[in-house]
Amino acid sequence: MNPDQYCTVLNVFNVISTNILGFTFWGTSIEFINKDDCKTAGIIYFINKDEALNLQTGYRFIM
């Protein structure tokens, strides 16, 4: 992977759960920064509750 494709989590605000058609998804509200130093807020969705709860500042993900 090209490191320029990553975004980095700056703040983790909260974790929510939602049920859609009988499936539970976990969403984590975050603030992140991309390769162009542009700060943005958004939600990352997880199927695994533990992954959502363990998301920390500094985590890198592909946007």
N, C-alpha and C. Protein backbone atom coordinates (compact mmCIF):
# COMPACT_ATOMS: atom_id res chain seq x y z
N MET A 1 0.83 -1.19 0.00
CA MET A 1 0.00 0.00 0.00
C MET A 1 0.87 1.25 0.00
N ASN A 2 0.39 2.24 -0.64
CA ASN A 2 1.04 3.53 -0.68
C ASN A 2 0.73 4.30 0.60
N PRO A 3 1.72 4.76 1.37
CA PRO A 3 1.44 5.46 2.63
C PRO A 3 0.65 6.75 2.44
N ASP A 4 0.64 7.30 1.23
CA ASP A 4 -0.12 8.52 0.98
C ASP A 4 -1.62 8.30 0.96
N GLN A 5 -2.07 7.06 0.96
CA GLN A 5 -3.50 6.75 0.93
C GLN A 5 -4.10 6.68 2.32
N TYR A 6 -3.29 6.78 3.36
CA TYR A 6 -3.77 6.63 4.72
C TYR A 6 -4.27 7.93 5.33
N CYS A 7 -5.24 7.79 6.24
CA CYS A 7 -5.69 8.88 7.10
C CYS A 7 -5.36 8.47 8.53
N THR A 8 -5.18 9.46 9.39
CA THR A 8 -4.82 9.19 10.78
C THR A 8 -5.88 9.75 11.71
N VAL A 9 -6.31 8.96 12.69
CA VAL A 9 -7.32 9.38 13.66
C VAL A 9 -6.70 10.38 14.62
N LEU A 10 -7.36 11.54 14.78
CA LEU A 10 -6.92 12.56 15.73
C LEU A 10 -7.68 12.48 17.05
N ASN A 11 -8.99 12.27 16.99
CA ASN A 11 -9.83 12.19 18.18
C ASN A 11 -10.89 11.12 17.98
N VAL A 12 -11.21 10.42 19.05
CA VAL A 12 -12.31 9.45 19.06
C VAL A 12 -13.37 10.02 20.00
N PHE A 13 -14.59 10.23 19.49
CA PHE A 13 -15.62 10.88 20.28
C PHE A 13 -16.54 9.89 20.99
N ASN A 14 -17.12 8.95 20.28
CA ASN A 14 -18.02 7.97 20.90
C ASN A 14 -18.21 6.77 20.00
N VAL A 15 -18.81 5.73 20.58
CA VAL A 15 -19.13 4.50 19.84
C VAL A 15 -20.63 4.29 19.94
N ILE A 16 -21.25 4.02 18.79
CA ILE A 16 -22.69 3.78 18.75
C ILE A 16 -22.93 2.42 18.08
N SER A 17 -24.08 1.85 18.33
CA SER A 17 -24.45 0.62 17.62
C SER A 17 -25.75 0.87 16.88
N THR A 18 -25.89 0.16 15.77
CA THR A 18 -27.11 0.27 14.98
C THR A 18 -27.46 -1.11 14.43
N ASN A 19 -28.73 -1.40 14.35
CA ASN A 19 -29.20 -2.66 13.80
C ASN A 19 -29.84 -2.41 12.45
N ILE A 20 -29.38 -3.14 11.45
CA ILE A 20 -29.93 -3.03 10.10
C ILE A 20 -30.25 -4.44 9.62
N LEU A 21 -31.51 -4.71 9.39
CA LEU A 21 -31.96 -6.01 8.91
C LEU A 21 -31.45 -7.16 9.77
N GLY A 22 -31.42 -6.96 11.08
CA GLY A 22 -31.00 -8.01 11.99
C GLY A 22 -29.51 -8.10 12.24
N PHE A 23 -28.72 -7.28 11.58
CA PHE A 23 -27.27 -7.26 11.79
C PHE A 23 -26.90 -6.04 12.62
N THR A 24 -25.98 -6.22 13.57
CA THR A 24 -25.52 -5.11 14.39
C THR A 24 -24.20 -4.59 13.86
N PHE A 25 -24.15 -3.29 13.65
CA PHE A 25 -22.93 -2.61 13.23
C PHE A 25 -22.55 -1.60 14.30
N TRP A 26 -21.25 -1.42 14.52
CA TRP A 26 -20.74 -0.50 15.51
C TRP A 26 -20.06 0.65 14.78
N GLY A 27 -20.47 1.87 15.11
CA GLY A 27 -19.89 3.06 14.49
C GLY A 27 -19.12 3.88 15.50
N THR A 28 -17.96 4.36 15.11
CA THR A 28 -17.13 5.18 15.97
C THR A 28 -17.01 6.56 15.34
N SER A 29 -17.45 7.59 16.06
CA SER A 29 -17.33 8.97 15.58
C SER A 29 -15.91 9.44 15.82
N ILE A 30 -15.28 9.94 14.75
CA ILE A 30 -13.87 10.35 14.85
C ILE A 30 -13.63 11.67 14.15
N GLU A 31 -12.48 12.26 14.46
CA GLU A 31 -11.91 13.36 13.69
C GLU A 31 -10.60 12.81 13.14
N PHE A 32 -10.34 13.00 11.85
CA PHE A 32 -9.13 12.46 11.25
C PHE A 32 -8.49 13.47 10.33
N ILE A 33 -7.25 13.19 9.97
CA ILE A 33 -6.49 14.07 9.08
C ILE A 33 -5.99 13.22 7.91
N ASN A 34 -6.04 13.79 6.70
CA ASN A 34 -5.58 13.04 5.53
C ASN A 34 -4.18 13.50 5.13
N LYS A 35 -3.69 12.98 4.02
CA LYS A 35 -2.33 13.29 3.58
C LYS A 35 -2.12 14.76 3.24
N ASP A 36 -3.20 15.48 2.95
CA ASP A 36 -3.10 16.91 2.62
C ASP A 36 -3.27 17.80 3.84
N ASP A 37 -3.21 17.22 5.04
CA ASP A 37 -3.38 17.94 6.31
C ASP A 37 -4.75 18.57 6.43
N CYS A 38 -5.75 17.95 5.84
CA CYS A 38 -7.14 18.42 5.92
C CYS A 38 -7.85 17.64 7.03
N LYS A 39 -8.33 18.36 8.05
CA LYS A 39 -9.04 17.71 9.16
C LYS A 39 -10.51 17.55 8.79
N THR A 40 -11.05 16.37 9.08
CA THR A 40 -12.43 16.04 8.77
C THR A 40 -13.00 15.17 9.87
N ALA A 41 -14.31 15.20 10.05
CA ALA A 41 -14.98 14.32 11.01
C ALA A 41 -15.79 13.29 10.23
N GLY A 42 -15.97 12.12 10.83
CA GLY A 42 -16.73 11.08 10.17
C GLY A 42 -17.00 9.92 11.10
N ILE A 43 -17.54 8.86 10.55
CA ILE A 43 -17.84 7.66 11.30
C ILE A 43 -17.22 6.48 10.58
N ILE A 44 -16.53 5.62 11.33
CA ILE A 44 -16.02 4.36 10.81
C ILE A 44 -16.91 3.26 11.37
N TYR A 45 -17.40 2.38 10.50
CA TYR A 45 -18.26 1.28 10.92
C TYR A 45 -17.48 -0.01 11.03
N PHE A 46 -17.81 -0.79 12.07
CA PHE A 46 -17.18 -2.08 12.32
C PHE A 46 -18.27 -3.13 12.51
N ILE A 47 -17.95 -4.37 12.19
CA ILE A 47 -18.84 -5.48 12.51
C ILE A 47 -18.49 -6.01 13.90
N ASN A 48 -17.24 -5.92 14.27
CA ASN A 48 -16.75 -6.42 15.55
C ASN A 48 -16.79 -5.31 16.60
N LYS A 49 -17.50 -5.52 17.69
CA LYS A 49 -17.63 -4.52 18.76
C LYS A 49 -16.27 -4.16 19.36
N ASP A 50 -15.41 -5.16 19.58
CA ASP A 50 -14.12 -4.91 20.20
C ASP A 50 -13.25 -3.97 19.36
N GLU A 51 -13.30 -4.10 18.04
CA GLU A 51 -12.53 -3.21 17.17
C GLU A 51 -13.02 -1.77 17.32
N ALA A 52 -14.32 -1.58 17.39
CA ALA A 52 -14.88 -0.23 17.54
C ALA A 52 -14.49 0.37 18.88
N LEU A 53 -14.55 -0.42 19.94
CA LEU A 53 -14.23 0.09 21.27
C LEU A 53 -12.74 0.35 21.47
N ASN A 54 -11.89 -0.33 20.71
CA ASN A 54 -10.44 -0.19 20.88
C ASN A 54 -9.80 0.79 19.91
N LEU A 55 -10.59 1.48 19.10
CA LEU A 55 -10.05 2.47 18.18
C LEU A 55 -9.43 3.61 18.97
N GLN A 56 -8.19 3.96 18.67
CA GLN A 56 -7.46 4.97 19.44
C GLN A 56 -6.88 6.03 18.54
N THR A 57 -6.53 7.14 19.15
CA THR A 57 -5.82 8.22 18.46
C THR A 57 -4.53 7.65 17.86
N GLY A 58 -4.25 8.02 16.63
CA GLY A 58 -3.05 7.54 15.94
C GLY A 58 -3.30 6.37 15.02
N TYR A 59 -4.49 5.74 15.11
CA TYR A 59 -4.82 4.63 14.23
C TYR A 59 -4.84 5.12 12.80
N ARG A 60 -4.29 4.33 11.88
CA ARG A 60 -4.25 4.71 10.47
C ARG A 60 -5.17 3.80 9.68
N PHE A 61 -5.92 4.37 8.76
CA PHE A 61 -6.83 3.59 7.93
C PHE A 61 -6.81 4.12 6.51
N ILE A 62 -7.25 3.30 5.59
CA ILE A 62 -7.30 3.68 4.17
C ILE A 62 -8.63 4.37 3.91
N MET A 63 -8.58 5.50 3.30
CA MET A 63 -9.79 6.28 3.01
C MET A 63 -10.28 5.95 1.64
